[in-house]
Every structure is written in C-alpha cells, then in structure tokens.
Amino acid sequence: MDIKTISTDQFSDVVENMKNPQKIGLYLIPEGKIWVACDNSTGDAWTEEFKSRPAAVEWLKKSTK
C-alpha cells in the first residue's frame, strides 16, 4: 500500500470518514516540526506522532505487516 502525504484538513476528513473505502490507506501529515502517521488500512485510523519523516514511514511499514 502506498503512503500518501496529506494536509491537516485532508487528515480530518480521513478520521471523520475512516470506514469509507475511499479513505482506506496509509497517510503522513506534516505538522510543524513533527510528522503524524495514520494507518487507516483497516478503517481504524491508528495514529502516532514522530520527530522525523523516516521514523513515521518506518512505523507505517511495520504496522501493515
């Protein structure tokens, strides 16, 4: 599954509609000096904050194994 970088507004839409099949996916959201990773591969929108983009990407890759 590809990882998409989205805006904070788009992230809000994913969380509000997480069960919608069009919102299923893996997302990165830059917020200032942190990165929010969202694993919505199962429609549950699990999120975690990271200090770097590589750490967020690694978490997303591990979460889908």
N, C-alpha and C. Protein backbone atom coordinates (compact mmCIF):
# COMPACT_ATOMS: atom_id res chain seq x y z
N MET A 1 0.86 -1.18 0.00
CA MET A 1 0.00 0.00 0.00
C MET A 1 0.90 1.24 0.00
N ASP A 2 0.58 2.19 -0.87
CA ASP A 2 1.35 3.43 -0.96
C ASP A 2 1.07 4.34 0.22
N ILE A 3 2.07 5.13 0.59
CA ILE A 3 1.93 6.12 1.65
C ILE A 3 1.71 7.48 1.00
N LYS A 4 0.63 8.16 1.39
CA LYS A 4 0.30 9.46 0.83
C LYS A 4 0.54 10.56 1.86
N THR A 5 1.15 11.65 1.43
CA THR A 5 1.30 12.82 2.28
C THR A 5 0.09 13.71 2.04
N ILE A 6 -0.58 14.07 3.13
CA ILE A 6 -1.81 14.85 3.03
C ILE A 6 -1.76 16.04 4.00
N SER A 7 -2.69 16.96 3.81
CA SER A 7 -2.78 18.14 4.68
C SER A 7 -3.57 17.80 5.96
N THR A 8 -3.52 18.72 6.90
CA THR A 8 -4.28 18.56 8.14
C THR A 8 -5.78 18.48 7.86
N ASP A 9 -6.27 19.29 6.92
CA ASP A 9 -7.69 19.25 6.56
C ASP A 9 -8.07 17.89 5.96
N GLN A 10 -7.20 17.37 5.09
CA GLN A 10 -7.47 16.06 4.50
C GLN A 10 -7.44 14.97 5.57
N PHE A 11 -6.54 15.11 6.53
CA PHE A 11 -6.45 14.15 7.63
C PHE A 11 -7.75 14.15 8.44
N SER A 12 -8.30 15.31 8.70
CA SER A 12 -9.57 15.40 9.43
C SER A 12 -10.66 14.64 8.68
N ASP A 13 -10.66 14.77 7.37
CA ASP A 13 -11.64 14.06 6.54
C ASP A 13 -11.44 12.55 6.63
N VAL A 14 -10.19 12.09 6.64
CA VAL A 14 -9.91 10.66 6.77
C VAL A 14 -10.45 10.14 8.10
N VAL A 15 -10.18 10.86 9.18
CA VAL A 15 -10.61 10.42 10.51
C VAL A 15 -12.14 10.42 10.61
N GLU A 16 -12.79 11.44 10.07
CA GLU A 16 -14.25 11.53 10.14
C GLU A 16 -14.93 10.45 9.30
N ASN A 17 -14.25 9.99 8.25
CA ASN A 17 -14.85 9.02 7.32
C ASN A 17 -13.98 7.77 7.19
N MET A 18 -13.35 7.35 8.27
CA MET A 18 -12.34 6.30 8.22
C MET A 18 -12.84 4.97 7.68
N LYS A 19 -14.12 4.68 7.83
CA LYS A 19 -14.67 3.40 7.34
C LYS A 19 -14.99 3.45 5.84
N ASN A 20 -15.02 4.64 5.26
CA ASN A 20 -15.30 4.80 3.84
C ASN A 20 -14.17 4.15 3.04
N PRO A 21 -14.48 3.24 2.13
CA PRO A 21 -13.43 2.55 1.36
C PRO A 21 -12.48 3.50 0.62
N GLN A 22 -12.95 4.69 0.26
CA GLN A 22 -12.09 5.67 -0.42
C GLN A 22 -11.05 6.28 0.52
N LYS A 23 -11.23 6.14 1.82
CA LYS A 23 -10.31 6.71 2.81
C LYS A 23 -9.33 5.68 3.36
N ILE A 24 -9.48 4.42 2.96
CA ILE A 24 -8.57 3.37 3.41
C ILE A 24 -7.18 3.65 2.83
N GLY A 25 -6.15 3.61 3.68
CA GLY A 25 -4.80 3.85 3.20
C GLY A 25 -3.84 4.20 4.31
N LEU A 26 -2.64 4.57 3.90
CA LEU A 26 -1.58 4.98 4.82
C LEU A 26 -1.25 6.45 4.53
N TYR A 27 -1.17 7.25 5.59
CA TYR A 27 -1.03 8.69 5.42
C TYR A 27 0.06 9.29 6.30
N LEU A 28 0.70 10.34 5.77
CA LEU A 28 1.65 11.16 6.52
C LEU A 28 1.14 12.59 6.52
N ILE A 29 1.18 13.22 7.68
CA ILE A 29 0.70 14.58 7.81
C ILE A 29 1.79 15.42 8.48
N PRO A 30 2.41 16.37 7.73
CA PRO A 30 3.41 17.24 8.35
C PRO A 30 2.71 18.31 9.19
N GLU A 31 3.14 18.44 10.44
CA GLU A 31 2.58 19.45 11.35
C GLU A 31 3.72 20.14 12.08
N GLY A 32 4.20 21.22 11.50
CA GLY A 32 5.33 21.93 12.10
C GLY A 32 6.57 21.06 12.09
N LYS A 33 7.11 20.80 13.26
CA LYS A 33 8.34 20.01 13.37
C LYS A 33 8.08 18.52 13.59
N ILE A 34 6.81 18.12 13.58
CA ILE A 34 6.50 16.70 13.76
C ILE A 34 5.79 16.15 12.53
N TRP A 35 5.76 14.83 12.46
CA TRP A 35 5.03 14.11 11.42
C TRP A 35 4.01 13.23 12.11
N VAL A 36 2.79 13.26 11.63
CA VAL A 36 1.76 12.36 12.13
C VAL A 36 1.61 11.26 11.09
N ALA A 37 1.70 10.02 11.54
CA ALA A 37 1.48 8.87 10.68
C ALA A 37 0.11 8.31 11.00
N CYS A 38 -0.66 8.00 9.96
CA CYS A 38 -2.00 7.45 10.13
C CYS A 38 -2.11 6.16 9.33
N ASP A 39 -2.34 5.06 10.04
CA ASP A 39 -2.56 3.78 9.40
C ASP A 39 -4.07 3.53 9.38
N ASN A 40 -4.67 3.81 8.24
CA ASN A 40 -6.10 3.55 8.08
C ASN A 40 -6.32 2.38 7.12
N SER A 41 -5.42 1.44 7.14
CA SER A 41 -5.52 0.27 6.25
C SER A 41 -6.68 -0.65 6.65
N THR A 42 -7.13 -0.55 7.90
CA THR A 42 -8.24 -1.39 8.37
C THR A 42 -9.49 -0.57 8.69
N GLY A 43 -9.46 0.74 8.43
CA GLY A 43 -10.60 1.59 8.74
C GLY A 43 -10.66 2.01 10.18
N ASP A 44 -9.53 1.89 10.91
CA ASP A 44 -9.49 2.27 12.32
C ASP A 44 -8.69 3.54 12.60
N ALA A 45 -7.99 4.07 11.60
CA ALA A 45 -7.23 5.33 11.68
C ALA A 45 -6.29 5.40 12.90
N TRP A 46 -5.43 4.40 13.05
CA TRP A 46 -4.43 4.43 14.10
C TRP A 46 -3.43 5.54 13.79
N THR A 47 -3.09 6.37 14.78
CA THR A 47 -2.17 7.48 14.55
C THR A 47 -1.06 7.49 15.58
N GLU A 48 0.05 8.06 15.16
CA GLU A 48 1.23 8.18 16.02
C GLU A 48 2.02 9.41 15.56
N GLU A 49 2.64 10.12 16.51
CA GLU A 49 3.46 11.29 16.17
C GLU A 49 4.93 10.93 16.19
N PHE A 50 5.71 11.54 15.27
CA PHE A 50 7.14 11.27 15.15
C PHE A 50 7.90 12.57 14.93
N LYS A 51 9.17 12.56 15.32
CA LYS A 51 10.04 13.73 15.15
C LYS A 51 10.64 13.81 13.75
N SER A 52 10.56 12.70 12.99
CA SER A 52 11.13 12.71 11.64
C SER A 52 10.23 11.94 10.68
N ARG A 53 10.31 12.31 9.41
CA ARG A 53 9.54 11.62 8.38
C ARG A 53 9.98 10.15 8.25
N PRO A 54 11.30 9.87 8.22
CA PRO A 54 11.71 8.46 8.11
C PRO A 54 11.16 7.57 9.23
N ALA A 55 11.11 8.09 10.44
CA ALA A 55 10.57 7.30 11.55
C ALA A 55 9.08 7.03 11.35
N ALA A 56 8.36 8.01 10.85
CA ALA A 56 6.93 7.84 10.59
C ALA A 56 6.69 6.81 9.49
N VAL A 57 7.49 6.88 8.44
CA VAL A 57 7.37 5.93 7.33
C VAL A 57 7.67 4.51 7.82
N GLU A 58 8.70 4.37 8.63
CA GLU A 58 9.06 3.05 9.16
C GLU A 58 7.91 2.47 9.98
N TRP A 59 7.28 3.28 10.81
CA TRP A 59 6.15 2.82 11.62
C TRP A 59 5.01 2.35 10.74
N LEU A 60 4.72 3.12 9.68
CA LEU A 60 3.64 2.73 8.77
C LEU A 60 3.95 1.41 8.07
N LYS A 61 5.18 1.24 7.68
CA LYS A 61 5.56 0.00 7.00
C LYS A 61 5.43 -1.20 7.95
N LYS A 62 5.83 -1.03 9.20
CA LYS A 62 5.73 -2.11 10.18
C LYS A 62 4.29 -2.39 10.57
N SER A 63 3.46 -1.37 10.58
CA SER A 63 2.08 -1.55 11.02
C SER A 63 1.25 -2.36 10.04
N THR A 64 1.69 -2.46 8.81
CA THR A 64 0.91 -3.19 7.81
C THR A 64 1.44 -4.59 7.55
N LYS A 65 2.42 -5.04 8.31
CA LYS A 65 2.96 -6.39 8.12
C LYS A 65 2.13 -7.41 8.85
